[in-house]
Amino acid sequence: MTGRRRRLWRWALVVWAVLVVVAGGLTLWLQDSAEPPGPYVWEETSPSPSLPDGWRTACAHATPDEQGRSDCLIVTVG
């Protein structure tokens, strides 16, 4: 009985190993086929817009921090 049980465990181990190898190969194959062709482009940029006229007076109320920097948010529509 132990010889038969041992043989069954070996077959189960071999089947499991074959399944792992096939699943890994299939994963790599599908992953390679899903990649877009060509070079990667992370971000399409355009030139930075210039500050609108009068931005200095609009940001005059901003309080600078200890390093002399201040934040000012200018929202333009259009």
Protein backbone atom coordinates (compact mmCIF):
# COMPACT_ATOMS: atom_id res chain seq x y z
CA MET A 1 0.00 0.00 0.00
CA THR A 2 2.85 2.44 0.77
CA GLY A 3 4.41 1.90 -2.67
CA ARG A 4 1.13 2.73 -4.38
CA ARG A 5 0.60 5.80 -2.20
CA ARG A 6 4.15 6.98 -2.87
CA ARG A 7 3.63 6.55 -6.63
CA LEU A 8 0.40 8.56 -6.42
CA TRP A 9 2.21 11.38 -4.58
CA ARG A 10 4.94 11.40 -7.24
CA TRP A 11 2.36 11.68 -10.03
CA ALA A 12 0.59 14.46 -8.16
CA LEU A 13 3.89 16.30 -7.73
CA VAL A 14 4.81 15.87 -11.40
CA VAL A 15 1.37 17.09 -12.54
CA TRP A 16 1.60 20.08 -10.18
CA ALA A 17 5.10 20.97 -11.46
CA VAL A 18 3.98 20.72 -15.09
CA LEU A 19 0.99 22.95 -14.35
CA VAL A 20 3.23 25.53 -12.67
CA VAL A 21 5.62 25.60 -15.63
CA VAL A 22 2.79 25.85 -18.18
CA ALA A 23 1.01 28.58 -16.21
CA GLY A 24 4.24 30.58 -15.86
CA GLY A 25 4.99 30.32 -19.56
CA LEU A 26 1.43 31.27 -20.45
CA THR A 27 1.62 34.27 -18.11
CA LEU A 28 4.84 35.51 -19.71
CA TRP A 29 3.49 34.94 -23.21
CA LEU A 30 0.27 36.83 -22.51
CA GLN A 31 2.14 39.62 -20.74
CA ASP A 32 4.47 40.10 -23.73
CA SER A 33 1.57 40.16 -26.17
CA ALA A 34 -0.25 42.85 -24.16
CA GLU A 35 2.61 45.37 -24.24
CA PRO A 36 2.13 48.26 -26.65
CA PRO A 37 4.65 48.44 -29.49
CA GLY A 38 7.15 51.25 -29.72
CA PRO A 39 8.79 53.50 -27.16
CA TYR A 40 7.01 54.44 -23.99
CA VAL A 41 5.63 57.95 -23.62
CA TRP A 42 4.85 58.84 -20.02
CA GLU A 43 3.58 62.32 -20.58
CA GLU A 44 2.85 64.49 -23.55
CA THR A 45 3.94 67.98 -22.68
CA SER A 46 3.34 71.33 -24.20
CA PRO A 47 5.13 74.60 -23.48
CA SER A 48 4.28 76.08 -20.10
CA PRO A 49 1.81 78.91 -20.40
CA SER A 50 3.06 82.34 -19.50
CA LEU A 51 1.76 84.12 -16.43
CA PRO A 52 -1.20 86.41 -17.07
CA ASP A 53 -0.85 90.18 -16.98
CA GLY A 54 -1.21 91.58 -13.48
CA TRP A 55 -0.01 88.47 -11.68
CA ARG A 56 2.27 90.46 -9.38
CA THR A 57 -0.61 92.52 -7.98
CA ALA A 58 -2.83 89.44 -7.70
CA CYS A 59 -0.18 87.67 -5.62
CA ALA A 60 0.81 90.67 -3.50
CA HIS A 61 -1.24 89.42 -0.54
CA ALA A 62 0.61 86.08 -0.36
CA THR A 63 2.60 85.71 2.85
CA PRO A 64 6.09 84.30 2.31
CA ASP A 65 7.41 81.49 4.49
CA GLU A 66 10.70 81.52 6.40
CA GLN A 67 12.62 80.81 3.20
CA GLY A 68 10.99 83.66 1.29
CA ARG A 69 8.71 81.49 -0.84
CA SER A 70 5.00 82.09 -1.20
CA ASP A 71 2.15 80.29 -2.91
CA CYS A 72 -0.25 82.04 -5.22
CA LEU A 73 -2.97 80.34 -7.24
CA ILE A 74 -4.12 82.08 -10.41
CA VAL A 75 -7.11 80.57 -12.21
CA THR A 76 -7.88 81.70 -15.73
CA VAL A 77 -10.83 80.61 -17.81
CA GLY A 78 -10.70 80.33 -21.51
